[in-house]
Amino acid sequence: MKIEFTKEEYKTLLTIVYCGEWMLNSHKIKDDSLSKKTESLEQNIFSFAKDAGLEKWIEFDTEMKKYFPTADMEDELHKFIDLYNLRQKKI
């Protein structure tokens, strides 16, 4: 399957994937089958960041052989996570 995105669409996809993976797995103490699947998908999507010109958001760790969000990406996206957490406390 081949899907094409504009740079802005890909950046939006990175936002959704990062925040969704965080919401599904950040509270878990150990990995389960869902966290392994979501991490695998996240790695696949992160792997295109350089091609999209978003090296500022995703970096590759050569020792771990994995992609990770940069501090720039986390700083920009944690506002959504913080807002989500704040709203959850009010419920």
PDB file of N, CA and C in Angstrom:
ATOM      1  N   MET A   1       0.844  -1.169   0.000  1.00  0.00           N
ATOM      2  CA  MET A   1       0.000   0.000   0.000  1.00  0.00           C
ATOM      3  C   MET A   1       0.892   1.236   0.000  1.00  0.00           C
ATOM      4  N   LYS A   2       0.494   2.238  -0.735  1.00  0.00           N
ATOM      5  CA  LYS A   2       1.237   3.486  -0.776  1.00  0.00           C
ATOM      6  C   LYS A   2       0.273   4.631  -0.488  1.00  0.00           C
ATOM      7  N   ILE A   3       0.652   5.453   0.480  1.00  0.00           N
ATOM      8  CA  ILE A   3      -0.147   6.621   0.840  1.00  0.00           C
ATOM      9  C   ILE A   3       0.756   7.838   0.719  1.00  0.00           C
ATOM     10  N   GLU A   4       0.283   8.879   0.105  1.00  0.00           N
ATOM     11  CA  GLU A   4       1.071  10.092  -0.041  1.00  0.00           C
ATOM     12  C   GLU A   4       0.461  11.214   0.789  1.00  0.00           C
ATOM     13  N   PHE A   5       1.347  11.981   1.434  1.00  0.00           N
ATOM     14  CA  PHE A   5       0.930  13.098   2.266  1.00  0.00           C
ATOM     15  C   PHE A   5       1.714  14.344   1.892  1.00  0.00           C
ATOM     16  N   THR A   6       1.101  15.491   2.090  1.00  0.00           N
ATOM     17  CA  THR A   6       1.859  16.735   2.041  1.00  0.00           C
ATOM     18  C   THR A   6       2.661  16.813   3.343  1.00  0.00           C
ATOM     19  N   LYS A   7       3.590  17.741   3.399  1.00  0.00           N
ATOM     20  CA  LYS A   7       4.379  17.909   4.626  1.00  0.00           C
ATOM     21  C   LYS A   7       3.465  18.236   5.808  1.00  0.00           C
ATOM     22  N   GLU A   8       2.495  19.096   5.609  1.00  0.00           N
ATOM     23  CA  GLU A   8       1.572  19.464   6.695  1.00  0.00           C
ATOM     24  C   GLU A   8       0.709  18.279   7.125  1.00  0.00           C
ATOM     25  N   GLU A   9       0.250  17.482   6.165  1.00  0.00           N
ATOM     26  CA  GLU A   9      -0.535  16.295   6.510  1.00  0.00           C
ATOM     27  C   GLU A   9       0.313  15.295   7.302  1.00  0.00           C
ATOM     28  N   TYR A  10       1.553  15.132   6.886  1.00  0.00           N
ATOM     29  CA  TYR A  10       2.441  14.213   7.598  1.00  0.00           C
ATOM     30  C   TYR A  10       2.713  14.714   9.013  1.00  0.00           C
ATOM     31  N   LYS A  11       2.903  16.009   9.152  1.00  0.00           N
ATOM     32  CA  LYS A  11       3.118  16.589  10.484  1.00  0.00           C
ATOM     33  C   LYS A  11       1.887  16.359  11.366  1.00  0.00           C
ATOM     34  N   THR A  12       0.707  16.483  10.794  1.00  0.00           N
ATOM     35  CA  THR A  12      -0.525  16.197  11.531  1.00  0.00           C
ATOM     36  C   THR A  12      -0.591  14.726  11.909  1.00  0.00           C
ATOM     37  N   LEU A  13      -0.190  13.853  10.991  1.00  0.00           N
ATOM     38  CA  LEU A  13      -0.155  12.422  11.288  1.00  0.00           C
ATOM     39  C   LEU A  13       0.818  12.127  12.427  1.00  0.00           C
ATOM     40  N   LEU A  14       1.986  12.755  12.416  1.00  0.00           N
ATOM     41  CA  LEU A  14       2.937  12.584  13.517  1.00  0.00           C
ATOM     42  C   LEU A  14       2.311  13.009  14.844  1.00  0.00           C
ATOM     43  N   THR A  15       1.573  14.098  14.827  1.00  0.00           N
ATOM     44  CA  THR A  15       0.896  14.583  16.036  1.00  0.00           C
ATOM     45  C   THR A  15      -0.096  13.555  16.550  1.00  0.00           C
ATOM     46  N   ILE A  16      -0.905  13.019  15.656  1.00  0.00           N
ATOM     47  CA  ILE A  16      -1.918  12.030  16.036  1.00  0.00           C
ATOM     48  C   ILE A  16      -1.264  10.753  16.550  1.00  0.00           C
ATOM     49  N   VAL A  17      -0.247  10.283  15.856  1.00  0.00           N
ATOM     50  CA  VAL A  17       0.426   9.042  16.249  1.00  0.00           C
ATOM     51  C   VAL A  17       1.108   9.214  17.598  1.00  0.00           C
ATOM     52  N   TYR A  18       1.842  10.300  17.776  1.00  0.00           N
ATOM     53  CA  TYR A  18       2.552  10.528  19.035  1.00  0.00           C
ATOM     54  C   TYR A  18       1.574  10.623  20.204  1.00  0.00           C
ATOM     55  N   CYS A  19       0.553  11.463  20.054  1.00  0.00           N
ATOM     56  CA  CYS A  19      -0.413  11.646  21.148  1.00  0.00           C
ATOM     57  C   CYS A  19      -1.231  10.382  21.393  1.00  0.00           C
ATOM     58  N   GLY A  20      -1.625   9.690  20.340  1.00  0.00           N
ATOM     59  CA  GLY A  20      -2.402   8.458  20.488  1.00  0.00           C
ATOM     60  C   GLY A  20      -1.601   7.354  21.146  1.00  0.00           C
ATOM     61  N   GLU A  21      -0.352   7.193  20.729  1.00  0.00           N
ATOM     62  CA  GLU A  21       0.499   6.170  21.326  1.00  0.00           C
ATOM     63  C   GLU A  21       0.758   6.498  22.797  1.00  0.00           C
ATOM     64  N   TRP A  22       0.945   7.762  23.087  1.00  0.00           N
ATOM     65  CA  TRP A  22       1.165   8.184  24.469  1.00  0.00           C
ATOM     66  C   TRP A  22      -0.064   7.864  25.328  1.00  0.00           C
ATOM     67  N   MET A  23      -1.248   8.195  24.809  1.00  0.00           N
ATOM     68  CA  MET A  23      -2.474   7.952  25.574  1.00  0.00           C
ATOM     69  C   MET A  23      -2.708   6.457  25.810  1.00  0.00           C
ATOM     70  N   LEU A  24      -2.435   5.649  24.813  1.00  0.00           N
ATOM     71  CA  LEU A  24      -2.665   4.208  24.938  1.00  0.00           C
ATOM     72  C   LEU A  24      -1.646   3.503  25.825  1.00  0.00           C
ATOM     73  N   ASN A  25      -0.412   3.986  25.850  1.00  0.00           N
ATOM     74  CA  ASN A  25       0.650   3.192  26.475  1.00  0.00           C
ATOM     75  C   ASN A  25       1.422   3.851  27.607  1.00  0.00           C
ATOM     76  N   SER A  26       1.299   5.144  27.816  1.00  0.00           N
ATOM     77  CA  SER A  26       2.150   5.806  28.811  1.00  0.00           C
ATOM     78  C   SER A  26       1.874   5.335  30.236  1.00  0.00           C
ATOM     79  N   HIS A  27       0.700   4.849  30.500  1.00  0.00           N
ATOM     80  CA  HIS A  27       0.333   4.428  31.854  1.00  0.00           C
ATOM     81  C   HIS A  27       0.690   2.968  32.146  1.00  0.00           C
ATOM     82  N   LYS A  28       1.125   2.241  31.133  1.00  0.00           N
ATOM     83  CA  LYS A  28       1.387   0.805  31.297  1.00  0.00           C
ATOM     84  C   LYS A  28       2.726   0.556  31.979  1.00  0.00           C
ATOM     85  N   ILE A  29       2.747  -0.442  32.830  1.00  0.00           N
ATOM     86  CA  ILE A  29       3.963  -0.825  33.535  1.00  0.00           C
ATOM     87  C   ILE A  29       4.805  -1.770  32.678  1.00  0.00           C
ATOM     88  N   LYS A  30       4.157  -2.630  31.912  1.00  0.00           N
ATOM     89  CA  LYS A  30       4.904  -3.522  31.026  1.00  0.00           C
ATOM     90  C   LYS A  30       4.212  -3.580  29.669  1.00  0.00           C
ATOM     91  N   ASP A  31       4.987  -3.978  28.672  1.00  0.00           N
ATOM     92  CA  ASP A  31       4.461  -4.058  27.307  1.00  0.00           C
ATOM     93  C   ASP A  31       3.430  -5.164  27.184  1.00  0.00           C
ATOM     94  N   ASP A  32       2.477  -4.942  26.320  1.00  0.00           N
ATOM     95  CA  ASP A  32       1.530  -5.981  25.945  1.00  0.00           C
ATOM     96  C   ASP A  32       1.456  -5.991  24.422  1.00  0.00           C
ATOM     97  N   SER A  33       0.590  -6.812  23.886  1.00  0.00           N
ATOM     98  CA  SER A  33       0.547  -6.936  22.421  1.00  0.00           C
ATOM     99  C   SER A  33       0.147  -5.620  21.753  1.00  0.00           C
ATOM    100  N   LEU A  34      -0.744  -4.845  22.363  1.00  0.00           N
ATOM    101  CA  LEU A  34      -1.142  -3.572  21.765  1.00  0.00           C
ATOM    102  C   LEU A  34       0.021  -2.592  21.763  1.00  0.00           C
ATOM    103  N   SER A  35       0.753  -2.500  22.866  1.00  0.00           N
ATOM    104  CA  SER A  35       1.864  -1.543  22.910  1.00  0.00           C
ATOM    105  C   SER A  35       2.947  -1.916  21.906  1.00  0.00           C
ATOM    106  N   LYS A  36       3.157  -3.205  21.690  1.00  0.00           N
ATOM    107  CA  LYS A  36       4.148  -3.626  20.687  1.00  0.00           C
ATOM    108  C   LYS A  36       3.689  -3.251  19.281  1.00  0.00           C
ATOM    109  N   LYS A  37       2.395  -3.403  19.017  1.00  0.00           N
ATOM    110  CA  LYS A  37       1.853  -3.044  17.701  1.00  0.00           C
ATOM    111  C   LYS A  37       1.917  -1.533  17.471  1.00  0.00           C
ATOM    112  N   THR A  38       1.535  -0.764  18.490  1.00  0.00           N
ATOM    113  CA  THR A  38       1.538   0.684  18.315  1.00  0.00           C
ATOM    114  C   THR A  38       2.959   1.221  18.196  1.00  0.00           C
ATOM    115  N   GLU A  39       3.908   0.642  18.928  1.00  0.00           N
ATOM    116  CA  GLU A  39       5.298   1.077  18.804  1.00  0.00           C
ATOM    117  C   GLU A  39       5.846   0.751  17.419  1.00  0.00           C
ATOM    118  N   SER A  40       5.497  -0.404  16.902  1.00  0.00           N
ATOM    119  CA  SER A  40       5.949  -0.783  15.569  1.00  0.00           C
ATOM    120  C   SER A  40       5.405   0.174  14.512  1.00  0.00           C
ATOM    121  N   LEU A  41       4.131   0.489  14.607  1.00  0.00           N
ATOM    122  CA  LEU A  41       3.520   1.432  13.662  1.00  0.00           C
ATOM    123  C   LEU A  41       4.135   2.818  13.823  1.00  0.00           C
ATOM    124  N   GLU A  42       4.333   3.240  15.062  1.00  0.00           N
ATOM    125  CA  GLU A  42       4.945   4.539  15.315  1.00  0.00           C
ATOM    126  C   GLU A  42       6.343   4.606  14.700  1.00  0.00           C
ATOM    127  N   GLN A  43       7.134   3.563  14.849  1.00  0.00           N
ATOM    128  CA  GLN A  43       8.473   3.527  14.268  1.00  0.00           C
ATOM    129  C   GLN A  43       8.405   3.639  12.739  1.00  0.00           C
ATOM    130  N   ASN A  44       7.470   2.942  12.142  1.00  0.00           N
ATOM    131  CA  ASN A  44       7.297   2.998  10.687  1.00  0.00           C
ATOM    132  C   ASN A  44       6.972   4.425  10.248  1.00  0.00           C
ATOM    133  N   ILE A  45       6.045   5.052  10.913  1.00  0.00           N
ATOM    134  CA  ILE A  45       5.637   6.412  10.538  1.00  0.00           C
ATOM    135  C   ILE A  45       6.763   7.405  10.817  1.00  0.00           C
ATOM    136  N   PHE A  46       7.445   7.256  11.947  1.00  0.00           N
ATOM    137  CA  PHE A  46       8.561   8.144  12.271  1.00  0.00           C
ATOM    138  C   PHE A  46       9.690   8.030  11.246  1.00  0.00           C
ATOM    139  N   SER A  47       9.830   6.879  10.630  1.00  0.00           N
ATOM    140  CA  SER A  47      10.951   6.647   9.715  1.00  0.00           C
ATOM    141  C   SER A  47      10.916   7.549   8.475  1.00  0.00           C
ATOM    142  N   PHE A  48       9.804   8.172   8.197  1.00  0.00           N
ATOM    143  CA  PHE A  48       9.681   9.037   7.021  1.00  0.00           C
ATOM    144  C   PHE A  48       9.933  10.513   7.330  1.00  0.00           C
ATOM    145  N   ALA A  49      10.254  10.829   8.570  1.00  0.00           N
ATOM    146  CA  ALA A  49      10.395  12.232   8.977  1.00  0.00           C
ATOM    147  C   ALA A  49      11.469  12.971   8.178  1.00  0.00           C
ATOM    148  N   LYS A  50      12.599  12.337   7.966  1.00  0.00           N
ATOM    149  CA  LYS A  50      13.677  12.997   7.225  1.00  0.00           C
ATOM    150  C   LYS A  50      13.236  13.296   5.795  1.00  0.00           C
ATOM    151  N   ASP A  51      12.570  12.335   5.163  1.00  0.00           N
ATOM    152  CA  ASP A  51      12.077  12.536   3.793  1.00  0.00           C
ATOM    153  C   ASP A  51      11.086  13.694   3.722  1.00  0.00           C
ATOM    154  N   ALA A  52      10.348  13.912   4.806  1.00  0.00           N
ATOM    155  CA  ALA A  52       9.346  14.982   4.848  1.00  0.00           C
ATOM    156  C   ALA A  52       9.936  16.309   5.301  1.00  0.00           C
ATOM    157  N   GLY A  53      11.238  16.317   5.600  1.00  0.00           N
ATOM    158  CA  GLY A  53      11.866  17.556   6.055  1.00  0.00           C
ATOM    159  C   GLY A  53      11.564  17.875   7.501  1.00  0.00           C
ATOM    160  N   LEU A  54      11.271  16.844   8.293  1.00  0.00           N
ATOM    161  CA  LEU A  54      10.927  17.059   9.700  1.00  0.00           C
ATOM    162  C   LEU A  54      11.956  16.429  10.642  1.00  0.00           C
ATOM    163  N   GLU A  55      13.227  16.572  10.282  1.00  0.00           N
ATOM    164  CA  GLU A  55      14.294  16.069  11.153  1.00  0.00           C
ATOM    165  C   GLU A  55      14.284  16.786  12.494  1.00  0.00           C
ATOM    166  N   LYS A  56      13.696  17.969  12.520  1.00  0.00           N
ATOM    167  CA  LYS A  56      13.592  18.740  13.758  1.00  0.00           C
ATOM    168  C   LYS A  56      12.671  18.036  14.759  1.00  0.00           C
ATOM    169  N   TRP A  57      11.808  17.169  14.265  1.00  0.00           N
ATOM    170  CA  TRP A  57      10.830  16.486  15.123  1.00  0.00           C
ATOM    171  C   TRP A  57      11.218  15.058  15.477  1.00  0.00           C
ATOM    172  N   ILE A  58      11.892  14.369  14.578  1.00  0.00           N
ATOM    173  CA  ILE A  58      12.209  12.943  14.788  1.00  0.00           C
ATOM    174  C   ILE A  58      13.694  12.730  14.549  1.00  0.00           C
ATOM    175  N   GLU A  59      14.323  11.962  15.456  1.00  0.00           N
ATOM    176  CA  GLU A  59      15.734  11.631  15.273  1.00  0.00           C
ATOM    177  C   GLU A  59      15.907  10.124  15.390  1.00  0.00           C
ATOM    178  N   PHE A  60      16.953   9.630  14.748  1.00  0.00           N
ATOM    179  CA  PHE A  60      17.253   8.197  14.774  1.00  0.00           C
ATOM    180  C   PHE A  60      18.428   7.956  15.692  1.00  0.00           C
ATOM    181  N   ASP A  61      18.258   7.050  16.640  1.00  0.00           N
ATOM    182  CA  ASP A  61      19.342   6.658  17.544  1.00  0.00           C
ATOM    183  C   ASP A  61      20.027   5.445  16.935  1.00  0.00           C
ATOM    184  N   THR A  62      21.269   5.627  16.513  1.00  0.00           N
ATOM    185  CA  THR A  62      21.979   4.544  15.823  1.00  0.00           C
ATOM    186  C   THR A  62      22.313   3.374  16.738  1.00  0.00           C
ATOM    187  N   GLU A  63      22.517   3.640  18.025  1.00  0.00           N
ATOM    188  CA  GLU A  63      22.806   2.543  18.953  1.00  0.00           C
ATOM    189  C   GLU A  63      21.569   1.687  19.211  1.00  0.00           C
ATOM    190  N   MET A  64      20.440   2.342  19.444  1.00  0.00           N
ATOM    191  CA  MET A  64      19.194   1.614  19.728  1.00  0.00           C
ATOM    192  C   MET A  64      18.475   1.181  18.450  1.00  0.00           C
ATOM    193  N   LYS A  65      18.889   1.786  17.334  1.00  0.00           N
ATOM    194  CA  LYS A  65      18.256   1.521  16.039  1.00  0.00           C
ATOM    195  C   LYS A  65      16.749   1.788  16.096  1.00  0.00           C
ATOM    196  N   LYS A  66      16.415   2.955  16.665  1.00  0.00           N
ATOM    197  CA  LYS A  66      15.017   3.370  16.797  1.00  0.00           C
ATOM    198  C   LYS A  66      14.897   4.864  16.565  1.00  0.00           C
ATOM    199  N   TYR A  67      13.711   5.252  16.168  1.00  0.00           N
ATOM    200  CA  TYR A  67      13.378   6.663  16.001  1.00  0.00           C
ATOM    201  C   TYR A  67      12.749   7.179  17.293  1.00  0.00           C
ATOM    202  N   PHE A  68      13.074   8.437  17.609  1.00  0.00           N
ATOM    203  CA  PHE A  68      12.546   9.058  18.811  1.00  0.00           C
ATOM    204  C   PHE A  68      12.120  10.486  18.504  1.00  0.00           C
ATOM    205  N   PRO A  69      11.086  10.964  19.201  1.00  0.00           N
ATOM    206  CA  PRO A  69      10.730  12.369  19.055  1.00  0.00           C
ATOM    207  C   PRO A  69      11.826  13.238  19.661  1.00  0.00           C
ATOM    208  N   THR A  70      12.074  14.370  19.057  1.00  0.00           N
ATOM    209  CA  THR A  70      13.057  15.308  19.597  1.00  0.00           C
ATOM    210  C   THR A  70      12.393  16.150  20.686  1.00  0.00           C
ATOM    211  N   ALA A  71      13.216  16.883  21.406  1.00  0.00           N
ATOM    212  CA  ALA A  71      12.680  17.796  22.426  1.00  0.00           C
ATOM    213  C   ALA A  71      11.768  18.834  21.782  1.00  0.00           C
ATOM    214  N   ASP A  72      12.103  19.273  20.559  1.00  0.00           N
ATOM    215  CA  ASP A  72      11.245  20.238  19.856  1.00  0.00           C
ATOM    216  C   ASP A  72       9.841  19.677  19.643  1.00  0.00           C
ATOM    217  N   MET A  73       9.765  18.432  19.204  1.00  0.00           N
ATOM    218  CA  MET A  73       8.460  17.811  18.976  1.00  0.00           C
ATOM    219  C   MET A  73       7.710  17.659  20.298  1.00  0.00           C
ATOM    220  N   GLU A  74       8.385  17.146  21.305  1.00  0.00           N
ATOM    221  CA  GLU A  74       7.726  16.945  22.597  1.00  0.00           C
ATOM    222  C   GLU A  74       7.253  18.262  23.185  1.00  0.00           C
ATOM    223  N   ASP A  75       8.072  19.307  23.079  1.00  0.00           N
ATOM    224  CA  ASP A  75       7.661  20.619  23.592  1.00  0.00           C
ATOM    225  C   ASP A  75       6.398  21.114  22.901  1.00  0.00           C
ATOM    226  N   GLU A  76       6.344  20.912  21.600  1.00  0.00           N
ATOM    227  CA  GLU A  76       5.182  21.387  20.841  1.00  0.00           C
ATOM    228  C   GLU A  76       3.931  20.545  21.095  1.00  0.00           C
ATOM    229  N   LEU A  77       4.096  19.245  21.274  1.00  0.00           N
ATOM    230  CA  LEU A  77       2.924  18.367  21.376  1.00  0.00           C
ATOM    231  C   LEU A  77       2.450  18.124  22.800  1.00  0.00           C
ATOM    232  N   HIS A  78       3.291  18.343  23.775  1.00  0.00           N
ATOM    233  CA  HIS A  78       2.844  18.085  25.144  1.00  0.00           C
ATOM    234  C   HIS A  78       1.775  19.062  25.605  1.00  0.00           C
ATOM    235  N   LYS A  79       1.580  20.151  24.890  1.00  0.00           N
ATOM    236  CA  LYS A  79       0.479  21.049  25.239  1.00  0.00           C
ATOM    237  C   LYS A  79      -0.862  20.320  25.077  1.00  0.00           C
ATOM    238  N   PHE A  80      -0.944  19.427  24.090  1.00  0.00           N
ATOM    239  CA  PHE A  80      -2.171  18.650  23.897  1.00  0.00           C
ATOM    240  C   PHE A  80      -2.341  17.623  25.017  1.00  0.00           C
ATOM    241  N   ILE A  81      -1.258  16.982  25.386  1.00  0.00           N
ATOM    242  CA  ILE A  81      -1.291  15.980  26.444  1.00  0.00           C
ATOM    243  C   ILE A  81      -1.594  16.646  27.782  1.00  0.00           C
ATOM    244  N   ASP A  82      -0.980  17.788  28.038  1.00  0.00           N
ATOM    245  CA  ASP A  82      -1.241  18.508  29.285  1.00  0.00           C
ATOM    246  C   ASP A  82      -2.694  18.951  29.367  1.00  0.00           C
ATOM    247  N   LEU A  83      -3.240  19.422  28.268  1.00  0.00           N
ATOM    248  CA  LEU A  83      -4.650  19.826  28.232  1.00  0.00           C
ATOM    249  C   LEU A  83      -5.561  18.620  28.464  1.00  0.00           C
ATOM    250  N   TYR A  84      -5.232  17.502  27.845  1.00  0.00           N
ATOM    251  CA  TYR A  84      -5.996  16.266  28.050  1.00  0.00           C
ATOM    252  C   TYR A  84      -5.967  15.874  29.523  1.00  0.00           C
ATOM    253  N   ASN A  85      -4.796  15.868  30.132  1.00  0.00           N
ATOM    254  CA  ASN A  85      -4.667  15.507  31.536  1.00  0.00           C
ATOM    255  C   ASN A  85      -5.451  16.444  32.440  1.00  0.00           C
ATOM    256  N   LEU A  86      -5.400  17.728  32.145  1.00  0.00           N
ATOM    257  CA  LEU A  86      -6.140  18.720  32.927  1.00  0.00           C
ATOM    258  C   LEU A  86      -7.635  18.465  32.852  1.00  0.00           C
ATOM    259  N   ARG A  87      -8.135  18.185  31.673  1.00  0.00           N
ATOM    260  CA  ARG A  87      -9.565  17.930  31.505  1.00  0.00           C
ATOM    261  C   ARG A  87      -9.982  16.631  32.180  1.00  0.00           C
ATOM    262  N   GLN A  88      -9.107  15.625  32.174  1.00  0.00           N
ATOM    263  CA  GLN A  88      -9.418  14.349  32.820  1.00  0.00           C
ATOM    264  C   GLN A  88      -9.535  14.529  34.336  1.00  0.00           C
ATOM    265  N   LYS A  89      -8.761  15.426  34.908  1.00  0.00           N
ATOM    266  CA  LYS A  89      -8.833  15.673  36.347  1.00  0.00           C
ATOM    267  C   LYS A  89     -10.148  16.319  36.737  1.00  0.00           C
ATOM    268  N   LYS A  90     -10.752  17.058  35.818  1.00  0.00           N
ATOM    269  CA  LYS A  90     -12.017  17.753  36.098  1.00  0.00           C
ATOM    270  C   LYS A  90     -13.226  16.828  36.004  1.00  0.00           C
ATOM    271  N   ILE A  91     -13.049  15.665  35.377  1.00  0.00           N
ATOM    272  CA  ILE A  91     -14.179  14.750  35.189  1.00  0.00           C
ATOM    273  C   ILE A  91     -14.487  13.997  36.432  1.00  0.00           C
TER     274      ILE A  91
END
